Amino acid sequence: MTDTELYRQLLGLAAPWQVSHIELNITQQQVRVHVTYDFYQAPLLCPECGQAGPYYDLREERTWRHLDSCQFQTFLGAHLPRIQCPTHGVKTIAAPWCEPHSRFTLAFECFAIAVLSATGVQAKAARLLRLSPTQVQVLPKAQTVHDRFPIAQYLADAVDKTRRDENRADENRALAKAGASPLVKSKWLRSPEKLTDKQRALFTALQSHALETSKVWSFKEAFRDFFCAGSVEAGSVEAGSVEAGSVEEGEAFFGNWSEQALALGNKHLTKVAQRLQDHLPGLLAYLCHRTSNAVAEGLNGQIQLIKARARGFRQFAQFRIAILFFLGKLDMNPHKTR
């Protein structure tokens, strides 16, 4: 097996990516692996839309830090091709071994984060990884997860605002005076599972009215299915795991839901749909991690309670000591000494 074939397999590269040659520097204890793109084996694809397009040029060589080869630091080097996309213009194609704009391979980032988690100190991790403290600081990349509970509030507000708009209509105002309006607030903002059998029957009758409130309410309830994409109930997936199928189904569900919501033409629902579109990466991240900020909010509530009981603190150091005393779960009992 040649050295280029060895590193191709170690890096997990597949056509059209190839290892062209290896440079070994004994003095600096470094290995440099040069990777090229074979234009004859596959077309160039736009990183934005995945559309094939003509070759534009090669970028200057970029370097990525990879896992060490024995005691030798290993670097990956490549001139990434650029594509002339008909839709997005000139774009650099995606490299399969790293994230966009990163200077580390995915394998090295995973290892470095594990080292940082184990040491708990950036300076120690930097020495072990032979990186600068600044380089270590950019390694942990937290993924933003959009909490599901504010979304439910956004949609509930859209229902209530639509109800108010319809309630101002003359025909509905007359019904309201007679006590028979189907647009009473409490009738639309309760969760269906909290209704009694009698209330559920009355609510079903309400939905027979040709009301826009009823349509917006249906969209609010339908969006619940987004959080069950992939037939995985919330909480059944360990934090940090990635369910690719759930994300794909969630993205497809949202696209269909958003298209129909915008087609309804309700200004309040349209505003929510556009807002959710802006936060779609965070929504899809929820399907990967199945987590929320409930724990953080609970902890913050306890901290605020400590502050309220003390009627405030003059110095932050005292506030910090109080937080650690009550919430730090520290063993502060005196121990006998010999």
C-alpha atoms as a PDB file:
ATOM      1  CA  MET A   1       0.000   0.000   0.000  1.00  0.00           C
ATOM      2  CA  THR A   2       1.386   3.404  -0.959  1.00  0.00           C
ATOM      3  CA  ASP A   3       1.586   6.306   1.468  1.00  0.00           C
ATOM      4  CA  THR A   4      -1.064   8.235  -0.508  1.00  0.00           C
ATOM      5  CA  GLU A   5      -3.485   5.305  -0.419  1.00  0.00           C
ATOM      6  CA  LEU A   6      -2.836   4.845   3.307  1.00  0.00           C
ATOM      7  CA  TYR A   7      -3.738   8.444   4.107  1.00  0.00           C
ATOM      8  CA  ARG A   8      -6.693   8.379   1.728  1.00  0.00           C
ATOM      9  CA  GLN A   9      -8.168   5.542   3.765  1.00  0.00           C
ATOM     10  CA  LEU A  10      -7.217   7.084   7.105  1.00  0.00           C
ATOM     11  CA  LEU A  11      -8.923  10.337   6.101  1.00  0.00           C
ATOM     12  CA  GLY A  12     -11.966   8.501   4.741  1.00  0.00           C
ATOM     13  CA  LEU A  13     -11.722  10.258   1.386  1.00  0.00           C
ATOM     14  CA  ALA A  14     -13.722   8.987  -1.555  1.00  0.00           C
ATOM     15  CA  ALA A  15     -13.786   9.943  -5.231  1.00  0.00           C
ATOM     16  CA  PRO A  16     -13.505  12.578  -6.581  1.00  0.00           C
ATOM     17  CA  TRP A  17     -11.140  13.549  -3.707  1.00  0.00           C
ATOM     18  CA  GLN A  18      -7.649  12.062  -3.916  1.00  0.00           C
ATOM     19  CA  VAL A  19      -4.399  12.289  -1.950  1.00  0.00           C
ATOM     20  CA  SER A  20      -1.820  13.565  -4.448  1.00  0.00           C
ATOM     21  CA  HIS A  21       1.368  13.423  -2.356  1.00  0.00           C
ATOM     22  CA  ILE A  22       2.743  13.458   1.200  1.00  0.00           C
ATOM     23  CA  GLU A  23       5.375  15.780   2.646  1.00  0.00           C
ATOM     24  CA  LEU A  24       7.339  14.648   5.716  1.00  0.00           C
ATOM     25  CA  ASN A  25       9.325  17.161   7.757  1.00  0.00           C
ATOM     26  CA  ILE A  26      11.438  15.322  10.315  1.00  0.00           C
ATOM     27  CA  THR A  27      12.921  18.495  11.801  1.00  0.00           C
ATOM     28  CA  GLN A  28       9.538  20.087  12.576  1.00  0.00           C
ATOM     29  CA  GLN A  29       7.892  16.672  13.177  1.00  0.00           C
ATOM     30  CA  GLN A  30       5.099  17.432  10.754  1.00  0.00           C
ATOM     31  CA  VAL A  31       3.252  15.545   8.035  1.00  0.00           C
ATOM     32  CA  ARG A  32       1.497  17.480   5.279  1.00  0.00           C
ATOM     33  CA  VAL A  33      -1.125  15.612   3.234  1.00  0.00           C
ATOM     34  CA  HIS A  34      -2.027  17.242  -0.095  1.00  0.00           C
ATOM     35  CA  VAL A  35      -5.535  16.555  -1.412  1.00  0.00           C
ATOM     36  CA  THR A  36      -6.845  17.273  -4.919  1.00  0.00           C
ATOM     37  CA  TYR A  37     -10.226  17.144  -6.654  1.00  0.00           C
ATOM     38  CA  ASP A  38     -10.561  14.955  -9.767  1.00  0.00           C
ATOM     39  CA  PHE A  39     -12.818  16.914 -12.133  1.00  0.00           C
ATOM     40  CA  TYR A  40     -13.254  13.900 -14.414  1.00  0.00           C
ATOM     41  CA  GLN A  41     -14.914  11.739 -11.758  1.00  0.00           C
ATOM     42  CA  ALA A  42     -17.693  14.061 -10.570  1.00  0.00           C
ATOM     43  CA  PRO A  43     -19.207  17.452 -11.441  1.00  0.00           C
ATOM     44  CA  LEU A  44     -18.790  20.480  -9.204  1.00  0.00           C
ATOM     45  CA  LEU A  45     -21.795  21.152  -6.956  1.00  0.00           C
ATOM     46  CA  CYS A  46     -22.887  24.447  -5.464  1.00  0.00           C
ATOM     47  CA  PRO A  47     -22.647  24.329  -1.629  1.00  0.00           C
ATOM     48  CA  GLU A  48     -25.822  26.429  -1.353  1.00  0.00           C
ATOM     49  CA  CYS A  49     -28.273  24.586  -3.608  1.00  0.00           C
ATOM     50  CA  GLY A  50     -26.440  21.441  -4.729  1.00  0.00           C
ATOM     51  CA  GLN A  51     -26.808  22.403  -8.396  1.00  0.00           C
ATOM     52  CA  ALA A  52     -24.043  21.373 -10.787  1.00  0.00           C
ATOM     53  CA  GLY A  53     -22.152  24.171 -12.489  1.00  0.00           C
ATOM     54  CA  PRO A  54     -19.006  24.978 -14.495  1.00  0.00           C
ATOM     55  CA  TYR A  55     -15.534  25.271 -13.003  1.00  0.00           C
ATOM     56  CA  TYR A  56     -14.471  28.838 -12.161  1.00  0.00           C
ATOM     57  CA  ASP A  57     -10.981  28.625 -10.600  1.00  0.00           C
ATOM     58  CA  LEU A  58      -8.947  27.246  -7.696  1.00  0.00           C
ATOM     59  CA  ARG A  59      -8.633  29.042  -4.389  1.00  0.00           C
ATOM     60  CA  GLU A  60      -5.300  29.560  -2.690  1.00  0.00           C
ATOM     61  CA  GLU A  61      -4.185  26.529  -0.721  1.00  0.00           C
ATOM     62  CA  ARG A  62      -5.830  26.184   2.661  1.00  0.00           C
ATOM     63  CA  THR A  63      -4.543  24.092   5.559  1.00  0.00           C
ATOM     64  CA  TRP A  64      -6.451  22.109   8.190  1.00  0.00           C
ATOM     65  CA  ARG A  65      -5.044  20.548  11.352  1.00  0.00           C
ATOM     66  CA  HIS A  66      -5.739  16.810  11.553  1.00  0.00           C
ATOM     67  CA  LEU A  67      -5.129  14.090  14.141  1.00  0.00           C
ATOM     68  CA  ASP A  68      -1.447  13.414  14.736  1.00  0.00           C
ATOM     69  CA  SER A  69       0.343  10.626  12.865  1.00  0.00           C
ATOM     70  CA  CYS A  70       2.270   8.987  15.729  1.00  0.00           C
ATOM     71  CA  GLN A  71       4.073  11.965  17.327  1.00  0.00           C
ATOM     72  CA  PHE A  72       4.004  14.018  14.097  1.00  0.00           C
ATOM     73  CA  GLN A  73       1.540  16.877  13.718  1.00  0.00           C
ATOM     74  CA  THR A  74      -0.553  16.223  10.617  1.00  0.00           C
ATOM     75  CA  PHE A  75      -1.973  18.898   8.328  1.00  0.00           C
ATOM     76  CA  LEU A  76      -4.302  18.629   5.371  1.00  0.00           C
ATOM     77  CA  GLY A  77      -3.732  20.976   2.436  1.00  0.00           C
ATOM     78  CA  ALA A  78      -5.920  21.578  -0.620  1.00  0.00           C
ATOM     79  CA  HIS A  79      -6.737  24.109  -3.331  1.00  0.00           C
ATOM     80  CA  LEU A  80     -10.541  24.035  -3.174  1.00  0.00           C
ATOM     81  CA  PRO A  81     -12.260  24.545  -6.550  1.00  0.00           C
ATOM     82  CA  ARG A  82     -14.772  27.317  -7.044  1.00  0.00           C
ATOM     83  CA  ILE A  83     -17.955  26.871  -9.049  1.00  0.00           C
ATOM     84  CA  GLN A  84     -19.899  29.345 -11.174  1.00  0.00           C
ATOM     85  CA  CYS A  85     -23.413  28.632  -9.884  1.00  0.00           C
ATOM     86  CA  PRO A  86     -26.209  30.011 -12.112  1.00  0.00           C
ATOM     87  CA  THR A  87     -28.190  30.938  -8.990  1.00  0.00           C
ATOM     88  CA  HIS A  88     -25.668  31.874  -6.304  1.00  0.00           C
ATOM     89  CA  GLY A  89     -22.698  33.042  -8.360  1.00  0.00           C
ATOM     90  CA  VAL A  90     -19.102  32.074  -7.579  1.00  0.00           C
ATOM     91  CA  LYS A  91     -18.924  29.697  -4.617  1.00  0.00           C
ATOM     92  CA  THR A  92     -16.223  27.512  -3.072  1.00  0.00           C
ATOM     93  CA  ILE A  93     -17.298  23.862  -3.027  1.00  0.00           C
ATOM     94  CA  ALA A  94     -17.682  22.144   0.338  1.00  0.00           C
ATOM     95  CA  ALA A  95     -14.831  20.033   1.701  1.00  0.00           C
ATOM     96  CA  PRO A  96     -16.070  16.749   3.239  1.00  0.00           C
ATOM     97  CA  TRP A  97     -13.451  16.712   6.005  1.00  0.00           C
ATOM     98  CA  CYS A  98     -14.334  19.991   7.742  1.00  0.00           C
ATOM     99  CA  GLU A  99     -17.039  22.488   8.537  1.00  0.00           C
ATOM    100  CA  PRO A 100     -17.239  25.725   6.520  1.00  0.00           C
ATOM    101  CA  HIS A 101     -14.606  28.302   7.535  1.00  0.00           C
ATOM    102  CA  SER A 102     -12.962  25.899  10.004  1.00  0.00           C
ATOM    103  CA  ARG A 103      -9.208  25.355  10.137  1.00  0.00           C
ATOM    104  CA  PHE A 104      -9.530  21.912  11.746  1.00  0.00           C
ATOM    105  CA  THR A 105     -10.773  18.598  10.374  1.00  0.00           C
ATOM    106  CA  LEU A 106     -13.937  17.160  11.909  1.00  0.00           C
ATOM    107  CA  ALA A 107     -11.947  14.307  13.483  1.00  0.00           C
ATOM    108  CA  PHE A 108      -9.529  16.732  15.146  1.00  0.00           C
ATOM    109  CA  GLU A 109     -12.347  18.958  16.437  1.00  0.00           C
ATOM    110  CA  CYS A 110     -14.097  15.976  18.065  1.00  0.00           C
ATOM    111  CA  PHE A 111     -10.858  14.862  19.720  1.00  0.00           C
ATOM    112  CA  ALA A 112      -9.980  18.393  20.855  1.00  0.00           C
ATOM    113  CA  ILE A 113     -13.396  18.948  22.419  1.00  0.00           C
ATOM    114  CA  ALA A 114     -13.057  15.619  24.278  1.00  0.00           C
ATOM    115  CA  VAL A 115      -9.643  16.729  25.608  1.00  0.00           C
ATOM    116  CA  LEU A 116     -11.055  20.120  26.647  1.00  0.00           C
ATOM    117  CA  SER A 117     -13.987  18.443  28.432  1.00  0.00           C
ATOM    118  CA  ALA A 118     -11.649  16.051  30.259  1.00  0.00           C
ATOM    119  CA  THR A 119      -9.160  18.700  31.392  1.00  0.00           C
ATOM    120  CA  GLY A 120     -11.678  21.448  32.100  1.00  0.00           C
ATOM    121  CA  VAL A 121      -8.937  24.043  31.585  1.00  0.00           C
ATOM    122  CA  GLN A 122      -8.241  25.625  28.206  1.00  0.00           C
ATOM    123  CA  ALA A 123      -4.537  26.191  28.936  1.00  0.00           C
ATOM    124  CA  LYS A 124      -3.984  22.492  29.720  1.00  0.00           C
ATOM    125  CA  ALA A 125      -5.946  21.405  26.654  1.00  0.00           C
ATOM    126  CA  ALA A 126      -3.907  23.782  24.491  1.00  0.00           C
ATOM    127  CA  ARG A 127      -0.626  22.261  25.699  1.00  0.00           C
ATOM    128  CA  LEU A 128      -1.815  18.697  25.103  1.00  0.00           C
ATOM    129  CA  LEU A 129      -3.113  19.526  21.635  1.00  0.00           C
ATOM    130  CA  ARG A 130      -0.150  21.750  20.767  1.00  0.00           C
ATOM    131  CA  LEU A 131      -2.437  24.666  19.993  1.00  0.00           C
ATOM    132  CA  SER A 132      -2.504  28.278  21.078  1.00  0.00           C
ATOM    133  CA  PRO A 133      -5.105  29.333  23.701  1.00  0.00           C
ATOM    134  CA  THR A 134      -6.872  31.353  21.007  1.00  0.00           C
ATOM    135  CA  GLN A 135      -7.218  28.284  18.793  1.00  0.00           C
ATOM    136  CA  VAL A 136      -8.691  26.275  21.668  1.00  0.00           C
ATOM    137  CA  GLN A 137     -11.300  28.972  22.335  1.00  0.00           C
ATOM    138  CA  VAL A 138     -12.840  28.584  18.876  1.00  0.00           C
ATOM    139  CA  LEU A 139     -13.194  24.794  19.123  1.00  0.00           C
ATOM    140  CA  PRO A 140     -16.372  24.313  21.156  1.00  0.00           C
ATOM    141  CA  LYS A 141     -19.174  25.310  18.802  1.00  0.00           C
ATOM    142  CA  ALA A 142     -22.486  25.182  20.589  1.00  0.00           C
ATOM    143  CA  GLN A 143     -25.526  24.579  18.451  1.00  0.00           C
ATOM    144  CA  THR A 144     -28.442  26.883  19.156  1.00  0.00           C
ATOM    145  CA  VAL A 145     -31.597  24.953  20.038  1.00  0.00           C
ATOM    146  CA  HIS A 146     -34.871  26.861  19.793  1.00  0.00           C
ATOM    147  CA  ASP A 147     -37.156  26.077  22.714  1.00  0.00           C
ATOM    148  CA  ARG A 148     -40.552  24.678  21.756  1.00  0.00           C
ATOM    149  CA  PHE A 149     -42.549  26.533  24.420  1.00  0.00           C
ATOM    150  CA  PRO A 150     -42.120  30.093  23.047  1.00  0.00           C
ATOM    151  CA  ILE A 151     -43.251  28.741  19.679  1.00  0.00           C
ATOM    152  CA  ALA A 152     -46.501  27.560  21.227  1.00  0.00           C
ATOM    153  CA  GLN A 153     -46.944  31.077  22.639  1.00  0.00           C
ATOM    154  CA  TYR A 154     -46.286  32.691  19.228  1.00  0.00           C
ATOM    155  CA  LEU A 155     -48.991  30.545  17.643  1.00  0.00           C
ATOM    156  CA  ALA A 156     -51.428  31.062  20.518  1.00  0.00           C
ATOM    157  CA  ASP A 157     -50.972  34.829  20.165  1.00  0.00           C
ATOM    158  CA  ALA A 158     -51.739  34.559  16.438  1.00  0.00           C
ATOM    159  CA  VAL A 159     -54.976  32.742  17.279  1.00  0.00           C
ATOM    160  CA  ASP A 160     -55.948  35.337  19.899  1.00  0.00           C
ATOM    161  CA  LYS A 161     -55.168  38.323  17.657  1.00  0.00           C
ATOM    162  CA  THR A 162     -57.197  36.791  14.830  1.00  0.00           C
ATOM    163  CA  ARG A 163     -60.045  36.179  17.281  1.00  0.00           C
ATOM    164  CA  ARG A 164     -59.936  39.833  18.337  1.00  0.00           C
ATOM    165  CA  ASP A 165     -60.022  41.018  14.735  1.00  0.00           C
ATOM    166  CA  GLU A 166     -63.047  38.872  13.939  1.00  0.00           C
ATOM    167  CA  ASN A 167     -64.738  39.844  17.189  1.00  0.00           C
ATOM    168  CA  ARG A 168     -64.731  43.470  16.039  1.00  0.00           C
ATOM    169  CA  ALA A 169     -66.929  42.571  13.066  1.00  0.00           C
ATOM    170  CA  ASP A 170     -70.531  43.802  13.366  1.00  0.00           C
ATOM    171  CA  GLU A 171     -72.179  40.357  13.122  1.00  0.00           C
ATOM    172  CA  ASN A 172     -69.914  38.872  15.773  1.00  0.00           C
ATOM    173  CA  ARG A 173     -70.324  41.906  18.042  1.00  0.00           C
ATOM    174  CA  ALA A 174     -74.059  41.295  18.087  1.00  0.00           C
ATOM    175  CA  LEU A 175     -73.516  37.659  19.050  1.00  0.00           C
ATOM    176  CA  ALA A 176     -71.154  38.731  21.822  1.00  0.00           C
ATOM    177  CA  LYS A 177     -73.826  41.028  23.316  1.00  0.00           C
ATOM    178  CA  ALA A 178     -76.268  38.133  23.274  1.00  0.00           C
ATOM    179  CA  GLY A 179     -73.714  35.906  25.044  1.00  0.00           C
ATOM    180  CA  ALA A 180     -73.571  33.486  22.131  1.00  0.00           C
ATOM    181  CA  SER A 181     -70.348  34.517  20.409  1.00  0.00           C
ATOM    182  CA  PRO A 182     -68.108  31.654  19.270  1.00  0.00           C
ATOM    183  CA  LEU A 183     -65.125  34.019  19.673  1.00  0.00           C
ATOM    184  CA  VAL A 184     -64.842  33.992  23.453  1.00  0.00           C
ATOM    185  CA  LYS A 185     -61.136  33.932  24.352  1.00  0.00           C
ATOM    186  CA  SER A 186     -61.267  30.993  26.758  1.00  0.00           C
ATOM    187  CA  LYS A 187     -62.832  28.764  24.102  1.00  0.00           C
ATOM    188  CA  TRP A 188     -59.835  29.000  21.741  1.00  0.00           C
ATOM    189  CA  LEU A 189     -56.780  29.121  23.966  1.00  0.00           C
ATOM    190  CA  ARG A 190     -57.254  25.910  25.924  1.00  0.00           C
ATOM    191  CA  SER A 191     -55.342  22.812  24.929  1.00  0.00           C
ATOM    192  CA  PRO A 192     -57.624  20.102  23.498  1.00  0.00           C
ATOM    193  CA  GLU A 193     -56.289  17.459  25.921  1.00  0.00           C
ATOM    194  CA  LYS A 194     -57.384  19.632  28.890  1.00  0.00           C
ATOM    195  CA  LEU A 195     -61.031  19.801  27.761  1.00  0.00           C
ATOM    196  CA  THR A 196     -63.761  17.718  29.342  1.00  0.00           C
ATOM    197  CA  ASP A 197     -65.997  15.630  27.094  1.00  0.00           C
ATOM    198  CA  LYS A 198     -68.700  18.287  27.272  1.00  0.00           C
ATOM    199  CA  GLN A 199     -66.264  21.094  26.498  1.00  0.00           C
ATOM    200  CA  ARG A 200     -64.769  19.098  23.634  1.00  0.00           C
ATOM    201  CA  ALA A 201     -68.236  18.607  22.097  1.00  0.00           C
ATOM    202  CA  LEU A 202     -68.936  22.352  22.357  1.00  0.00           C
ATOM    203  CA  PHE A 203     -65.564  23.183  20.852  1.00  0.00           C
ATOM    204  CA  THR A 204     -66.179  20.831  17.928  1.00  0.00           C
ATOM    205  CA  ALA A 205     -69.410  22.690  17.279  1.00  0.00           C
ATOM    206  CA  LEU A 206     -67.523  25.997  17.365  1.00  0.00           C
ATOM    207  CA  GLN A 207     -65.230  24.777  14.617  1.00  0.00           C
ATOM    208  CA  SER A 208     -68.206  24.380  12.298  1.00  0.00           C
ATOM    209  CA  HIS A 209     -68.465  28.177  12.089  1.00  0.00           C
ATOM    210  CA  ALA A 210     -66.742  29.668   9.042  1.00  0.00           C
ATOM    211  CA  LEU A 211     -64.229  31.546  11.163  1.00  0.00           C
ATOM    212  CA  GLU A 212     -60.660  32.447  10.275  1.00  0.00           C
ATOM    213  CA  THR A 213     -59.833  31.951  13.956  1.00  0.00           C
ATOM    214  CA  SER A 214     -60.682  28.285  13.541  1.00  0.00           C
ATOM    215  CA  LYS A 215     -58.313  27.976  10.585  1.00  0.00           C
ATOM    216  CA  VAL A 216     -55.429  29.642  12.432  1.00  0.00           C
ATOM    217  CA  TRP A 217     -56.122  27.443  15.459  1.00  0.00           C
ATOM    218  CA  SER A 218     -55.849  24.371  13.189  1.00  0.00           C
ATOM    219  CA  PHE A 219     -52.394  25.505  12.058  1.00  0.00           C
ATOM    220  CA  LYS A 220     -51.368  26.005  15.690  1.00  0.00           C
ATOM    221  CA  GLU A 221     -52.391  22.480  16.592  1.00  0.00           C
ATOM    222  CA  ALA A 222     -50.892  20.976  13.435  1.00  0.00           C
ATOM    223  CA  PHE A 223     -47.470  22.402  14.270  1.00  0.00           C
ATOM    224  CA  ARG A 224     -47.282  20.101  17.296  1.00  0.00           C
ATOM    225  CA  ASP A 225     -46.458  17.276  14.913  1.00  0.00           C
ATOM    226  CA  PHE A 226     -43.214  19.037  13.986  1.00  0.00           C
ATOM    227  CA  PHE A 227     -41.737  18.152  17.373  1.00  0.00           C
ATOM    228  CA  CYS A 228     -42.544  14.471  16.856  1.00  0.00           C
ATOM    229  CA  ALA A 229     -40.744  14.253  13.496  1.00  0.00           C
ATOM    230  CA  GLY A 230     -39.203  10.837  12.974  1.00  0.00           C
ATOM    231  CA  SER A 231     -41.762   9.264  15.337  1.00  0.00           C
ATOM    232  CA  VAL A 232     -39.473  10.063  18.252  1.00  0.00           C
ATOM    233  CA  GLU A 233     -41.161  11.451  21.329  1.00  0.00           C
ATOM    234  CA  ALA A 234     -39.467  14.362  23.017  1.00  0.00           C
ATOM    235  CA  GLY A 235     -37.106  13.199  25.709  1.00  0.00           C
ATOM    236  CA  SER A 236     -36.533   9.725  24.269  1.00  0.00           C
ATOM    237  CA  VAL A 237     -33.339  10.740  22.485  1.00  0.00           C
ATOM    238  CA  GLU A 238     -30.208  11.339  24.513  1.00  0.00           C
ATOM    239  CA  ALA A 239     -28.878  14.869  24.479  1.00  0.00           C
ATOM    240  CA  GLY A 240     -26.179  15.326  21.885  1.00  0.00           C
ATOM    241  CA  SER A 241     -27.361  12.547  19.589  1.00  0.00           C
ATOM    242  CA  VAL A 242     -28.223  13.298  15.982  1.00  0.00           C
ATOM    243  CA  GLU A 243     -31.324  11.862  14.346  1.00  0.00           C
ATOM    244  CA  ALA A 244     -30.813  12.653  10.670  1.00  0.00           C
ATOM    245  CA  GLY A 245     -34.167  11.107   9.738  1.00  0.00           C
ATOM    246  CA  SER A 246     -35.958  13.308  12.265  1.00  0.00           C
ATOM    247  CA  VAL A 247     -34.300  16.433  10.886  1.00  0.00           C
ATOM    248  CA  GLU A 248     -35.181  15.550   7.291  1.00  0.00           C
ATOM    249  CA  GLU A 249     -38.799  14.823   8.194  1.00  0.00           C
ATOM    250  CA  GLY A 250     -38.985  17.985  10.294  1.00  0.00           C
ATOM    251  CA  GLU A 251     -37.638  20.093   7.437  1.00  0.00           C
ATOM    252  CA  ALA A 252     -40.152  18.558   5.025  1.00  0.00           C
ATOM    253  CA  PHE A 253     -42.998  19.051   7.514  1.00  0.00           C
ATOM    254  CA  PHE A 254     -42.080  22.682   8.106  1.00  0.00           C
ATOM    255  CA  GLY A 255     -41.854  23.409   4.393  1.00  0.00           C
ATOM    256  CA  ASN A 256     -45.356  22.047   3.813  1.00  0.00           C
ATOM    257  CA  TRP A 257     -46.799  23.712   6.932  1.00  0.00           C
ATOM    258  CA  SER A 258     -45.214  27.083   6.122  1.00  0.00           C
ATOM    259  CA  GLU A 259     -46.407  27.018   2.503  1.00  0.00           C
ATOM    260  CA  GLN A 260     -50.020  26.399   3.559  1.00  0.00           C
ATOM    261  CA  ALA A 261     -49.831  28.932   6.401  1.00  0.00           C
ATOM    262  CA  LEU A 262     -48.650  31.675   4.043  1.00  0.00           C
ATOM    263  CA  ALA A 263     -51.309  30.691   1.508  1.00  0.00           C
ATOM    264  CA  LEU A 264     -54.025  31.322   4.125  1.00  0.00           C
ATOM    265  CA  GLY A 265     -53.145  35.019   3.994  1.00  0.00           C
ATOM    266  CA  ASN A 266     -53.730  35.703   7.699  1.00  0.00           C
ATOM    267  CA  LYS A 267     -51.352  38.498   8.704  1.00  0.00           C
ATOM    268  CA  HIS A 268     -50.795  37.183  12.232  1.00  0.00           C
ATOM    269  CA  LEU A 269     -50.094  33.613  11.133  1.00  0.00           C
ATOM    270  CA  THR A 270     -47.898  34.873   8.286  1.00  0.00           C
ATOM    271  CA  LYS A 271     -45.788  36.830  10.768  1.00  0.00           C
ATOM    272  CA  VAL A 272     -45.305  33.711  12.913  1.00  0.00           C
ATOM    273  CA  ALA A 273     -44.458  31.542   9.883  1.00  0.00           C
ATOM    274  CA  GLN A 274     -41.804  34.034   8.757  1.00  0.00           C
ATOM    275  CA  ARG A 275     -40.414  34.236  12.273  1.00  0.00           C
ATOM    276  CA  LEU A 276     -40.148  30.450  12.500  1.00  0.00           C
ATOM    277  CA  GLN A 277     -38.462  30.386   9.092  1.00  0.00           C
ATOM    278  CA  ASP A 278     -35.779  32.718  10.458  1.00  0.00           C
ATOM    279  CA  HIS A 279     -35.225  30.317  13.370  1.00  0.00           C
ATOM    280  CA  LEU A 280     -35.484  27.097  11.352  1.00  0.00           C
ATOM    281  CA  PRO A 281     -31.884  25.935  12.108  1.00  0.00           C
ATOM    282  CA  GLY A 282     -32.635  26.181  15.825  1.00  0.00           C
ATOM    283  CA  LEU A 283     -35.925  24.329  15.376  1.00  0.00           C
ATOM    284  CA  LEU A 284     -34.216  21.517  13.485  1.00  0.00           C
ATOM    285  CA  ALA A 285     -31.506  21.426  16.160  1.00  0.00           C
ATOM    286  CA  TYR A 286     -34.240  20.633  18.688  1.00  0.00           C
ATOM    287  CA  LEU A 287     -35.025  17.469  16.727  1.00  0.00           C
ATOM    288  CA  CYS A 288     -31.365  16.445  17.100  1.00  0.00           C
ATOM    289  CA  HIS A 289     -30.954  17.137  20.801  1.00  0.00           C
ATOM    290  CA  ARG A 290     -34.511  17.041  22.230  1.00  0.00           C
ATOM    291  CA  THR A 291     -33.649  19.544  24.931  1.00  0.00           C
ATOM    292  CA  SER A 292     -35.001  22.844  26.209  1.00  0.00           C
ATOM    293  CA  ASN A 293     -33.965  25.666  28.507  1.00  0.00           C
ATOM    294  CA  ALA A 294     -36.285  24.474  31.289  1.00  0.00           C
ATOM    295  CA  VAL A 295     -33.367  23.494  33.568  1.00  0.00           C
ATOM    296  CA  ALA A 296     -31.641  26.846  33.060  1.00  0.00           C
ATOM    297  CA  GLU A 297     -34.877  28.723  33.715  1.00  0.00           C
ATOM    298  CA  GLY A 298     -35.462  26.708  36.895  1.00  0.00           C
ATOM    299  CA  LEU A 299     -31.953  27.454  38.139  1.00  0.00           C
ATOM    300  CA  ASN A 300     -32.369  31.136  37.312  1.00  0.00           C
ATOM    301  CA  GLY A 301     -35.605  31.182  39.303  1.00  0.00           C
ATOM    302  CA  GLN A 302     -33.809  29.799  42.366  1.00  0.00           C
ATOM    303  CA  ILE A 303     -31.035  32.391  41.996  1.00  0.00           C
ATOM    304  CA  GLN A 304     -33.597  35.196  41.811  1.00  0.00           C
ATOM    305  CA  LEU A 305     -35.254  33.803  44.944  1.00  0.00           C
ATOM    306  CA  ILE A 306     -31.924  33.950  46.815  1.00  0.00           C
ATOM    307  CA  LYS A 307     -31.528  37.557  45.703  1.00  0.00           C
ATOM    308  CA  ALA A 308     -35.074  38.470  46.743  1.00  0.00           C
ATOM    309  CA  ARG A 309     -34.764  36.909  50.203  1.00  0.00           C
ATOM    310  CA  ALA A 310     -31.580  38.872  50.883  1.00  0.00           C
ATOM    311  CA  ARG A 311     -33.144  42.070  49.534  1.00  0.00           C
ATOM    312  CA  GLY A 312     -30.193  42.300  47.155  1.00  0.00           C
ATOM    313  CA  PHE A 313     -26.421  42.188  47.601  1.00  0.00           C
ATOM    314  CA  ARG A 314     -24.008  45.102  47.800  1.00  0.00           C
ATOM    315  CA  GLN A 315     -21.132  43.123  46.281  1.00  0.00           C
ATOM    316  CA  PHE A 316     -21.168  40.449  43.598  1.00  0.00           C
ATOM    317  CA  ALA A 317     -18.716  38.324  45.622  1.00  0.00           C
ATOM    318  CA  GLN A 318     -21.313  37.944  48.363  1.00  0.00           C
ATOM    319  CA  PHE A 319     -23.981  37.100  45.801  1.00  0.00           C
ATOM    320  CA  ARG A 320     -21.695  34.441  44.312  1.00  0.00           C
ATOM    321  CA  ILE A 321     -21.012  32.885  47.731  1.00  0.00           C
ATOM    322  CA  ALA A 322     -24.746  32.699  48.435  1.00  0.00           C
ATOM    323  CA  ILE A 323     -25.418  31.001  45.089  1.00  0.00           C
ATOM    324  CA  LEU A 324     -22.663  28.437  45.697  1.00  0.00           C
ATOM    325  CA  PHE A 325     -23.854  27.853  49.273  1.00  0.00           C
ATOM    326  CA  PHE A 326     -27.471  27.148  48.362  1.00  0.00           C
ATOM    327  CA  LEU A 327     -27.161  25.693  44.853  1.00  0.00           C
ATOM    328  CA  GLY A 328     -23.570  24.466  44.546  1.00  0.00           C
ATOM    329  CA  LYS A 329     -24.263  21.053  46.141  1.00  0.00           C
ATOM    330  CA  LEU A 330     -20.963  21.387  47.957  1.00  0.00           C
ATOM    331  CA  ASP A 331     -19.977  19.235  50.931  1.00  0.00           C
ATOM    332  CA  MET A 332     -19.444  21.941  53.540  1.00  0.00           C
ATOM    333  CA  ASN A 333     -19.820  19.803  56.667  1.00  0.00           C
ATOM    334  CA  PRO A 334     -16.791  19.954  58.979  1.00  0.00           C
ATOM    335  CA  HIS A 335     -14.512  16.911  58.793  1.00  0.00           C
ATOM    336  CA  LYS A 336     -12.509  15.517  61.664  1.00  0.00           C
ATOM    337  CA  THR A 337      -8.764  15.792  61.271  1.00  0.00           C
ATOM    338  CA  ARG A 338      -6.210  13.596  62.937  1.00  0.00           C
END
